[in-house]
Amino acid sequence: MISRAFSIDFFRSCGFPSHGSVRLLAAVLALALSASVSAALYKSVGPDGKVTYSDKPPMSAKESEKTEKMHDVPPPGDPNAAKKLSEQQADFQKRADDRQANEKKAADEKKEKADLLRRCQDARTAIRQYRDTGMTLYRAGEKEGERVVMDMDARLKEAVRLEEEMKKAGCE
């Protein structure tokens, strides 16, 4: 087994100045070896002049003389990649649309709830005013711009009507 100090001295004597260069050399060698393992394309010319391409070298010796190794080719792509991509995009768009619809629905529900709360509070205030005997309340008269003082009986009827409307609307 070679000691570590010897291997570092050996590489330095070969022109490699530091231990980091050894790592770089190892990485370059690993990359070169992995490239040679990848798929290759062979071009063969048969005795009849027919040219064939294959990912495997030919079996017969005659053809091997006329065979050349072409450049490395990448592995074939997924034939369904475009379909999968469009399905993923459609799925993403559907989720985005659903999320936007849910956010709009939640905002509408929040607004409706706030409106109901405001109407209920206004109704409670009006009921207190109708029941308070110390205030003078007016209603619109028959003629335009006419004001008529509400008597206690009309005020109580209006308070009861508002209470029924509050129950129908869901006020608590």
N, C-alpha and C. Protein backbone atom coordinates (compact mmCIF):
# COMPACT_ATOMS: atom_id res chain seq x y z
N MET A 1 0.84 -1.16 0.00
CA MET A 1 0.00 0.00 0.00
C MET A 1 0.90 1.24 0.00
N ILE A 2 0.56 2.19 -0.84
CA ILE A 2 1.37 3.40 -0.97
C ILE A 2 0.93 4.40 0.08
N SER A 3 1.90 5.00 0.74
CA SER A 3 1.55 5.98 1.77
C SER A 3 1.03 7.25 1.12
N ARG A 4 0.29 8.00 1.89
CA ARG A 4 -0.31 9.23 1.39
C ARG A 4 0.77 10.26 1.04
N ALA A 5 1.77 10.35 1.86
CA ALA A 5 2.85 11.31 1.60
C ALA A 5 3.56 10.99 0.30
N PHE A 6 3.75 9.68 0.03
CA PHE A 6 4.41 9.29 -1.22
C PHE A 6 3.57 9.66 -2.42
N SER A 7 2.24 9.43 -2.34
CA SER A 7 1.38 9.73 -3.49
C SER A 7 1.34 11.23 -3.76
N ILE A 8 1.34 12.05 -2.72
CA ILE A 8 1.35 13.50 -2.91
C ILE A 8 2.67 13.94 -3.52
N ASP A 9 3.79 13.39 -3.01
CA ASP A 9 5.10 13.73 -3.57
C ASP A 9 5.22 13.28 -5.01
N PHE A 10 4.65 12.12 -5.33
CA PHE A 10 4.71 11.61 -6.70
C PHE A 10 3.99 12.56 -7.65
N PHE A 11 2.77 13.00 -7.28
CA PHE A 11 2.02 13.89 -8.14
C PHE A 11 2.69 15.25 -8.26
N ARG A 12 3.31 15.73 -7.18
CA ARG A 12 4.02 17.01 -7.24
C ARG A 12 5.22 16.91 -8.16
N SER A 13 5.91 15.75 -8.14
CA SER A 13 7.08 15.58 -9.00
C SER A 13 6.66 15.49 -10.47
N CYS A 14 5.42 15.10 -10.73
CA CYS A 14 4.93 15.02 -12.11
C CYS A 14 4.44 16.38 -12.60
N GLY A 15 4.52 17.40 -11.78
CA GLY A 15 4.10 18.72 -12.20
C GLY A 15 2.79 19.18 -11.58
N PHE A 16 2.20 18.41 -10.68
CA PHE A 16 0.98 18.82 -10.00
C PHE A 16 1.37 19.52 -8.71
N PRO A 17 1.09 20.81 -8.58
CA PRO A 17 1.59 21.56 -7.44
C PRO A 17 0.91 21.27 -6.12
N SER A 18 -0.34 20.85 -6.08
CA SER A 18 -0.99 20.69 -4.79
C SER A 18 -1.95 19.51 -4.79
N HIS A 19 -2.46 19.22 -3.61
CA HIS A 19 -3.39 18.12 -3.43
C HIS A 19 -4.71 18.41 -4.16
N GLY A 20 -5.11 19.69 -4.28
CA GLY A 20 -6.33 20.07 -4.99
C GLY A 20 -6.26 19.69 -6.46
N SER A 21 -5.06 19.71 -7.03
CA SER A 21 -4.90 19.32 -8.43
C SER A 21 -5.18 17.84 -8.62
N VAL A 22 -4.88 17.04 -7.62
CA VAL A 22 -5.15 15.61 -7.69
C VAL A 22 -6.66 15.40 -7.78
N ARG A 23 -7.38 16.15 -7.01
CA ARG A 23 -8.84 16.03 -7.05
C ARG A 23 -9.36 16.45 -8.42
N LEU A 24 -8.81 17.50 -8.97
CA LEU A 24 -9.21 17.96 -10.29
C LEU A 24 -8.91 16.90 -11.34
N LEU A 25 -7.73 16.29 -11.27
CA LEU A 25 -7.35 15.24 -12.21
C LEU A 25 -8.30 14.05 -12.08
N ALA A 26 -8.63 13.68 -10.86
CA ALA A 26 -9.54 12.55 -10.65
C ALA A 26 -10.91 12.87 -11.23
N ALA A 27 -11.38 14.10 -11.06
CA ALA A 27 -12.68 14.49 -11.60
C ALA A 27 -12.67 14.45 -13.12
N VAL A 28 -11.60 14.94 -13.74
CA VAL A 28 -11.48 14.92 -15.20
C VAL A 28 -11.46 13.49 -15.71
N LEU A 29 -10.71 12.62 -15.05
CA LEU A 29 -10.66 11.22 -15.46
C LEU A 29 -12.01 10.54 -15.32
N ALA A 30 -12.70 10.82 -14.24
CA ALA A 30 -14.03 10.23 -14.04
C ALA A 30 -14.99 10.70 -15.11
N LEU A 31 -14.91 11.95 -15.48
CA LEU A 31 -15.78 12.50 -16.51
C LEU A 31 -15.47 11.87 -17.86
N ALA A 32 -14.20 11.71 -18.16
CA ALA A 32 -13.79 11.11 -19.44
C ALA A 32 -14.25 9.66 -19.51
N LEU A 33 -14.12 8.92 -18.43
CA LEU A 33 -14.54 7.52 -18.42
C LEU A 33 -16.05 7.40 -18.54
N SER A 34 -16.79 8.29 -17.91
CA SER A 34 -18.25 8.21 -17.98
C SER A 34 -18.73 8.55 -19.38
N ALA A 35 -18.04 9.43 -20.09
CA ALA A 35 -18.44 9.78 -21.46
C ALA A 35 -18.24 8.60 -22.39
N SER A 36 -17.20 7.80 -22.16
CA SER A 36 -16.95 6.67 -23.05
C SER A 36 -17.93 5.54 -22.82
N VAL A 37 -18.62 5.52 -21.68
CA VAL A 37 -19.58 4.48 -21.38
C VAL A 37 -20.93 4.77 -22.02
N SER A 38 -21.18 6.02 -22.39
CA SER A 38 -22.49 6.39 -22.92
C SER A 38 -22.73 5.73 -24.26
N ALA A 39 -23.95 5.82 -24.75
CA ALA A 39 -24.35 5.17 -26.00
C ALA A 39 -23.55 5.72 -27.17
N ALA A 40 -23.26 4.83 -28.12
CA ALA A 40 -22.52 5.22 -29.31
C ALA A 40 -23.31 4.79 -30.53
N LEU A 41 -23.00 5.40 -31.67
CA LEU A 41 -23.67 5.07 -32.92
C LEU A 41 -22.61 4.58 -33.90
N TYR A 42 -22.87 3.43 -34.54
CA TYR A 42 -21.94 2.85 -35.50
C TYR A 42 -22.53 2.93 -36.90
N LYS A 43 -21.67 3.30 -37.85
CA LYS A 43 -22.06 3.35 -39.26
C LYS A 43 -21.32 2.24 -39.98
N SER A 44 -22.05 1.35 -40.66
CA SER A 44 -21.44 0.23 -41.38
C SER A 44 -21.86 0.28 -42.84
N VAL A 45 -20.92 -0.04 -43.70
CA VAL A 45 -21.19 -0.12 -45.13
C VAL A 45 -21.06 -1.60 -45.51
N GLY A 46 -22.14 -2.19 -46.00
CA GLY A 46 -22.15 -3.61 -46.36
C GLY A 46 -21.48 -3.85 -47.71
N PRO A 47 -21.30 -5.14 -48.07
CA PRO A 47 -20.66 -5.49 -49.34
C PRO A 47 -21.44 -4.98 -50.54
N ASP A 48 -22.74 -4.82 -50.40
CA ASP A 48 -23.56 -4.30 -51.49
C ASP A 48 -23.63 -2.78 -51.51
N GLY A 49 -22.91 -2.13 -50.59
CA GLY A 49 -22.88 -0.67 -50.52
C GLY A 49 -23.98 -0.08 -49.65
N LYS A 50 -24.75 -0.94 -49.03
CA LYS A 50 -25.85 -0.48 -48.17
C LYS A 50 -25.28 0.03 -46.85
N VAL A 51 -25.71 1.25 -46.47
CA VAL A 51 -25.23 1.87 -45.24
C VAL A 51 -26.26 1.60 -44.14
N THR A 52 -25.78 1.11 -43.01
CA THR A 52 -26.67 0.88 -41.86
C THR A 52 -26.08 1.57 -40.63
N TYR A 53 -26.99 2.03 -39.78
CA TYR A 53 -26.60 2.66 -38.53
C TYR A 53 -27.12 1.80 -37.39
N SER A 54 -26.31 1.64 -36.35
CA SER A 54 -26.70 0.79 -35.23
C SER A 54 -26.04 1.30 -33.96
N ASP A 55 -26.62 0.92 -32.83
CA ASP A 55 -26.00 1.27 -31.56
C ASP A 55 -25.05 0.17 -31.09
N LYS A 56 -24.95 -0.92 -31.89
CA LYS A 56 -24.05 -2.03 -31.57
C LYS A 56 -23.08 -2.23 -32.74
N PRO A 57 -21.83 -2.61 -32.44
CA PRO A 57 -20.89 -2.87 -33.54
C PRO A 57 -21.33 -4.11 -34.33
N PRO A 58 -21.00 -4.16 -35.63
CA PRO A 58 -21.43 -5.32 -36.45
C PRO A 58 -20.70 -6.59 -36.03
N MET A 59 -21.31 -7.73 -36.33
CA MET A 59 -20.77 -9.02 -35.92
C MET A 59 -19.72 -9.56 -36.92
N SER A 60 -19.93 -9.35 -38.22
CA SER A 60 -19.02 -9.96 -39.20
C SER A 60 -17.74 -9.15 -39.35
N ALA A 61 -16.65 -9.83 -39.69
CA ALA A 61 -15.34 -9.19 -39.82
C ALA A 61 -15.28 -8.29 -41.05
N LYS A 62 -15.96 -8.70 -42.15
CA LYS A 62 -15.92 -7.89 -43.36
C LYS A 62 -16.51 -6.51 -43.09
N GLU A 63 -17.64 -6.50 -42.43
CA GLU A 63 -18.30 -5.23 -42.15
C GLU A 63 -17.49 -4.40 -41.16
N SER A 64 -16.77 -5.05 -40.26
CA SER A 64 -16.03 -4.30 -39.25
C SER A 64 -14.93 -3.46 -39.86
N GLU A 65 -14.40 -3.88 -41.03
CA GLU A 65 -13.38 -3.08 -41.70
C GLU A 65 -13.96 -1.77 -42.21
N LYS A 66 -15.22 -1.81 -42.57
CA LYS A 66 -15.86 -0.61 -43.13
C LYS A 66 -16.75 0.08 -42.10
N THR A 67 -16.54 -0.18 -40.84
CA THR A 67 -17.37 0.40 -39.78
C THR A 67 -16.62 1.52 -39.09
N GLU A 68 -17.33 2.56 -38.86
CA GLU A 68 -16.73 3.66 -38.09
C GLU A 68 -17.67 4.04 -36.96
N LYS A 69 -17.07 4.43 -35.87
CA LYS A 69 -17.86 4.84 -34.70
C LYS A 69 -18.21 6.31 -34.87
N MET A 70 -19.49 6.58 -34.83
CA MET A 70 -19.97 7.96 -34.96
C MET A 70 -19.86 8.64 -33.59
N HIS A 71 -20.21 9.91 -33.55
CA HIS A 71 -20.19 10.65 -32.28
C HIS A 71 -21.18 10.04 -31.31
N ASP A 72 -20.88 10.20 -30.06
CA ASP A 72 -21.81 9.73 -29.03
C ASP A 72 -23.13 10.46 -29.19
N VAL A 73 -24.20 9.72 -29.03
CA VAL A 73 -25.53 10.32 -29.15
C VAL A 73 -26.21 10.24 -27.79
N PRO A 74 -27.04 11.21 -27.49
CA PRO A 74 -27.76 11.15 -26.22
C PRO A 74 -28.83 10.07 -26.28
N PRO A 75 -29.23 9.56 -25.14
CA PRO A 75 -30.28 8.55 -25.14
C PRO A 75 -31.57 9.15 -25.71
N PRO A 76 -32.42 8.31 -26.28
CA PRO A 76 -33.65 8.83 -26.88
C PRO A 76 -34.52 9.49 -25.81
N GLY A 77 -35.20 10.55 -26.21
CA GLY A 77 -36.07 11.27 -25.28
C GLY A 77 -37.39 10.54 -25.09
N ASP A 78 -38.14 10.99 -24.15
CA ASP A 78 -39.45 10.42 -23.87
C ASP A 78 -40.41 10.87 -24.96
N PRO A 79 -41.00 9.93 -25.70
CA PRO A 79 -41.91 10.33 -26.79
C PRO A 79 -43.18 10.99 -26.27
N ASN A 80 -43.52 10.78 -25.03
CA ASN A 80 -44.73 11.37 -24.46
C ASN A 80 -44.43 12.63 -23.66
N ALA A 81 -43.22 13.17 -23.79
CA ALA A 81 -42.83 14.33 -22.99
C ALA A 81 -43.72 15.53 -23.25
N ALA A 82 -44.05 15.80 -24.51
CA ALA A 82 -44.88 16.97 -24.82
C ALA A 82 -46.28 16.80 -24.23
N LYS A 83 -46.81 15.59 -24.33
CA LYS A 83 -48.14 15.33 -23.78
C LYS A 83 -48.14 15.48 -22.25
N LYS A 84 -47.09 14.92 -21.61
CA LYS A 84 -46.98 15.04 -20.15
C LYS A 84 -46.85 16.49 -19.73
N LEU A 85 -46.04 17.25 -20.48
CA LEU A 85 -45.85 18.67 -20.16
C LEU A 85 -47.16 19.43 -20.28
N SER A 86 -47.91 19.18 -21.35
CA SER A 86 -49.18 19.89 -21.52
C SER A 86 -50.17 19.49 -20.43
N GLU A 87 -50.16 18.22 -20.02
CA GLU A 87 -51.03 17.79 -18.93
C GLU A 87 -50.63 18.45 -17.62
N GLN A 88 -49.33 18.56 -17.37
CA GLN A 88 -48.86 19.23 -16.15
C GLN A 88 -49.25 20.70 -16.16
N GLN A 89 -49.10 21.35 -17.33
CA GLN A 89 -49.47 22.76 -17.42
C GLN A 89 -50.97 22.94 -17.21
N ALA A 90 -51.78 22.05 -17.80
CA ALA A 90 -53.23 22.13 -17.63
C ALA A 90 -53.60 21.91 -16.16
N ASP A 91 -52.94 20.95 -15.52
CA ASP A 91 -53.21 20.67 -14.10
C ASP A 91 -52.82 21.87 -13.24
N PHE A 92 -51.67 22.46 -13.54
CA PHE A 92 -51.23 23.65 -12.80
C PHE A 92 -52.23 24.79 -12.98
N GLN A 93 -52.68 25.01 -14.23
CA GLN A 93 -53.63 26.09 -14.50
C GLN A 93 -54.95 25.84 -13.78
N LYS A 94 -55.40 24.57 -13.75
CA LYS A 94 -56.66 24.24 -13.06
C LYS A 94 -56.53 24.52 -11.57
N ARG A 95 -55.39 24.13 -10.97
CA ARG A 95 -55.19 24.41 -9.54
C ARG A 95 -55.16 25.91 -9.28
N ALA A 96 -54.50 26.67 -10.16
CA ALA A 96 -54.44 28.13 -9.99
C ALA A 96 -55.84 28.73 -10.12
N ASP A 97 -56.63 28.25 -11.09
CA ASP A 97 -58.00 28.75 -11.25
C ASP A 97 -58.87 28.39 -10.05
N ASP A 98 -58.72 27.15 -9.56
CA ASP A 98 -59.48 26.73 -8.38
C ASP A 98 -59.12 27.57 -7.16
N ARG A 99 -57.82 27.81 -6.99
CA ARG A 99 -57.38 28.62 -5.85
C ARG A 99 -57.94 30.04 -5.95
N GLN A 100 -57.91 30.61 -7.16
CA GLN A 100 -58.42 31.96 -7.36
C GLN A 100 -59.94 32.00 -7.10
N ALA A 101 -60.66 30.97 -7.57
CA ALA A 101 -62.11 30.91 -7.35
C ALA A 101 -62.41 30.78 -5.85
N ASN A 102 -61.63 29.95 -5.15
CA ASN A 102 -61.84 29.79 -3.70
C ASN A 102 -61.55 31.09 -2.95
N GLU A 103 -60.50 31.80 -3.37
CA GLU A 103 -60.19 33.08 -2.73
C GLU A 103 -61.30 34.10 -2.97
N LYS A 104 -61.84 34.13 -4.20
CA LYS A 104 -62.93 35.06 -4.51
C LYS A 104 -64.17 34.70 -3.71
N LYS A 105 -64.47 33.38 -3.62
CA LYS A 105 -65.63 32.93 -2.85
C LYS A 105 -65.48 33.31 -1.38
N ALA A 106 -64.30 33.12 -0.83
CA ALA A 106 -64.06 33.46 0.58
C ALA A 106 -64.20 34.97 0.79
N ALA A 107 -63.70 35.78 -0.15
CA ALA A 107 -63.81 37.23 -0.03
C ALA A 107 -65.28 37.66 -0.12
N ASP A 108 -66.04 37.03 -1.02
CA ASP A 108 -67.47 37.36 -1.14
C ASP A 108 -68.23 36.98 0.13
N GLU A 109 -67.91 35.80 0.67
CA GLU A 109 -68.58 35.37 1.91
C GLU A 109 -68.24 36.32 3.07
N LYS A 110 -66.99 36.76 3.12
CA LYS A 110 -66.57 37.68 4.18
C LYS A 110 -67.31 39.02 4.04
N LYS A 111 -67.45 39.48 2.81
CA LYS A 111 -68.16 40.74 2.57
C LYS A 111 -69.64 40.61 2.93
N GLU A 112 -70.27 39.48 2.54
CA GLU A 112 -71.68 39.26 2.89
C GLU A 112 -71.87 39.21 4.40
N LYS A 113 -70.94 38.54 5.08
CA LYS A 113 -71.04 38.44 6.54
C LYS A 113 -70.90 39.82 7.18
N ALA A 114 -69.98 40.64 6.66
CA ALA A 114 -69.80 41.99 7.20
C ALA A 114 -71.04 42.85 6.93
N ASP A 115 -71.65 42.69 5.73
CA ASP A 115 -72.87 43.44 5.42
C ASP A 115 -74.01 43.03 6.34
N LEU A 116 -74.16 41.73 6.57
CA LEU A 116 -75.21 41.25 7.47
C LEU A 116 -75.00 41.77 8.88
N LEU A 117 -73.77 41.75 9.34
CA LEU A 117 -73.45 42.25 10.67
C LEU A 117 -73.80 43.74 10.80
N ARG A 118 -73.48 44.51 9.74
CA ARG A 118 -73.79 45.94 9.75
C ARG A 118 -75.31 46.16 9.74
N ARG A 119 -76.06 45.40 8.91
CA ARG A 119 -77.52 45.55 8.86
C ARG A 119 -78.15 45.15 10.19
N CYS A 120 -77.63 44.10 10.82
CA CYS A 120 -78.16 43.68 12.12
C CYS A 120 -77.91 44.75 13.18
N GLN A 121 -76.72 45.33 13.17
CA GLN A 121 -76.42 46.39 14.14
C GLN A 121 -77.32 47.61 13.91
N ASP A 122 -77.54 47.97 12.64
CA ASP A 122 -78.44 49.10 12.33
C ASP A 122 -79.86 48.80 12.80
N ALA A 123 -80.31 47.56 12.62
CA ALA A 123 -81.66 47.18 13.05
C ALA A 123 -81.77 47.24 14.57
N ARG A 124 -80.75 46.78 15.29
CA ARG A 124 -80.78 46.84 16.75
C ARG A 124 -80.86 48.30 17.24
N THR A 125 -80.08 49.16 16.59
CA THR A 125 -80.10 50.58 16.95
C THR A 125 -81.49 51.17 16.70
N ALA A 126 -82.10 50.84 15.56
CA ALA A 126 -83.44 51.36 15.24
C ALA A 126 -84.47 50.84 16.23
N ILE A 127 -84.40 49.57 16.62
CA ILE A 127 -85.34 48.98 17.59
C ILE A 127 -85.23 49.72 18.92
N ARG A 128 -84.01 49.99 19.37
CA ARG A 128 -83.84 50.73 20.64
C ARG A 128 -84.46 52.12 20.53
N GLN A 129 -84.30 52.75 19.36
CA GLN A 129 -84.88 54.09 19.19
C GLN A 129 -86.41 54.04 19.18
N TYR A 130 -86.98 53.01 18.54
CA TYR A 130 -88.44 52.90 18.51
C TYR A 130 -89.01 52.63 19.90
N ARG A 131 -88.30 51.90 20.71
CA ARG A 131 -88.79 51.56 22.05
C ARG A 131 -88.50 52.65 23.09
N ASP A 132 -87.57 53.52 22.81
CA ASP A 132 -87.23 54.61 23.74
C ASP A 132 -88.32 55.68 23.67
N THR A 133 -88.99 55.88 24.79
CA THR A 133 -90.11 56.83 24.80
C THR A 133 -89.66 58.27 24.95
N GLY A 134 -88.43 58.50 25.25
CA GLY A 134 -87.95 59.86 25.45
C GLY A 134 -87.60 60.56 24.14
N MET A 135 -87.58 59.84 23.02
CA MET A 135 -87.23 60.44 21.73
C MET A 135 -88.49 60.68 20.91
N THR A 136 -88.49 61.73 20.15
CA THR A 136 -89.58 61.99 19.22
C THR A 136 -89.11 61.53 17.84
N LEU A 137 -89.88 60.62 17.23
CA LEU A 137 -89.53 60.07 15.92
C LEU A 137 -90.58 60.51 14.91
N TYR A 138 -90.14 60.68 13.69
CA TYR A 138 -91.02 61.12 12.60
C TYR A 138 -91.01 60.07 11.50
N ARG A 139 -92.09 60.04 10.75
CA ARG A 139 -92.16 59.21 9.55
C ARG A 139 -92.59 60.12 8.41
N ALA A 140 -92.43 59.64 7.18
CA ALA A 140 -92.83 60.44 6.03
C ALA A 140 -94.35 60.48 5.96
N GLY A 141 -94.88 61.64 5.62
CA GLY A 141 -96.34 61.82 5.52
C GLY A 141 -96.81 61.56 4.10
N GLU A 142 -98.12 61.81 3.91
CA GLU A 142 -98.76 61.59 2.61
C GLU A 142 -98.22 62.55 1.56
N LYS A 143 -98.02 63.80 1.94
CA LYS A 143 -97.54 64.81 1.00
C LYS A 143 -96.02 64.78 0.96
N GLU A 144 -95.48 65.24 -0.16
CA GLU A 144 -94.02 65.26 -0.33
C GLU A 144 -93.39 66.23 0.67
N GLY A 145 -92.40 65.72 1.40
CA GLY A 145 -91.67 66.54 2.36
C GLY A 145 -92.38 66.68 3.70
N GLU A 146 -93.56 66.05 3.84
CA GLU A 146 -94.31 66.16 5.09
C GLU A 146 -93.73 65.19 6.13
N ARG A 147 -93.63 65.66 7.37
CA ARG A 147 -93.16 64.83 8.49
C ARG A 147 -94.29 64.68 9.49
N VAL A 148 -94.51 63.41 9.90
CA VAL A 148 -95.57 63.11 10.85
C VAL A 148 -94.93 62.46 12.06
N VAL A 149 -95.32 62.92 13.26
CA VAL A 149 -94.81 62.34 14.50
C VAL A 149 -95.40 60.95 14.67
N MET A 150 -94.49 59.99 15.02
CA MET A 150 -94.95 58.61 15.24
C MET A 150 -95.45 58.47 16.68
N ASP A 151 -96.67 57.89 16.82
CA ASP A 151 -97.17 57.63 18.16
C ASP A 151 -96.55 56.33 18.67
N MET A 152 -96.75 56.01 19.94
CA MET A 152 -96.11 54.86 20.57
C MET A 152 -96.57 53.56 19.93
N ASP A 153 -97.80 53.44 19.52
CA ASP A 153 -98.32 52.23 18.90
C ASP A 153 -97.59 51.95 17.57
N ALA A 154 -97.40 52.97 16.75
CA ALA A 154 -96.70 52.82 15.46
C ALA A 154 -95.23 52.48 15.68
N ARG A 155 -94.67 53.07 16.72
CA ARG A 155 -93.27 52.78 17.03
C ARG A 155 -93.08 51.32 17.45
N LEU A 156 -93.97 50.77 18.28
CA LEU A 156 -93.87 49.38 18.72
C LEU A 156 -94.08 48.42 17.55
N LYS A 157 -95.02 48.74 16.66
CA LYS A 157 -95.25 47.90 15.48
C LYS A 157 -93.99 47.85 14.61
N GLU A 158 -93.36 48.99 14.42
CA GLU A 158 -92.14 49.05 13.62
C GLU A 158 -91.01 48.26 14.30
N ALA A 159 -90.91 48.33 15.62
CA ALA A 159 -89.89 47.58 16.35
C ALA A 159 -90.12 46.07 16.18
N VAL A 160 -91.36 45.62 16.27
CA VAL A 160 -91.69 44.19 16.10
C VAL A 160 -91.36 43.75 14.68
N ARG A 161 -91.71 44.58 13.67
CA ARG A 161 -91.41 44.25 12.28
C ARG A 161 -89.89 44.08 12.07
N LEU A 162 -89.11 44.98 12.66
CA LEU A 162 -87.65 44.89 12.53
C LEU A 162 -87.10 43.64 13.22
N GLU A 163 -87.67 43.28 14.37
CA GLU A 163 -87.22 42.07 15.07
C GLU A 163 -87.48 40.82 14.23
N GLU A 164 -88.64 40.77 13.55
CA GLU A 164 -88.95 39.63 12.69
C GLU A 164 -87.99 39.57 11.50
N GLU A 165 -87.69 40.71 10.91
CA GLU A 165 -86.75 40.75 9.80
C GLU A 165 -85.35 40.29 10.24
N MET A 166 -84.98 40.67 11.47
CA MET A 166 -83.67 40.25 11.98
C MET A 166 -83.62 38.73 12.13
N LYS A 167 -84.70 38.11 12.60
CA LYS A 167 -84.74 36.66 12.74
C LYS A 167 -84.63 35.98 11.38
N LYS A 168 -85.37 36.51 10.38
CA LYS A 168 -85.31 35.94 9.02
C LYS A 168 -83.92 36.07 8.41
N ALA A 169 -83.26 37.19 8.68
CA ALA A 169 -81.92 37.43 8.12
C ALA A 169 -80.84 36.63 8.82
N GLY A 170 -81.13 36.13 10.02
CA GLY A 170 -80.13 35.32 10.74
C GLY A 170 -79.32 36.12 11.72
N CYS A 171 -79.81 37.27 12.11
CA CYS A 171 -79.10 38.05 13.13
C CYS A 171 -79.20 37.33 14.46
N GLU A 172 -78.15 37.42 15.23
CA GLU A 172 -78.12 36.74 16.53
C GLU A 172 -78.55 37.65 17.63
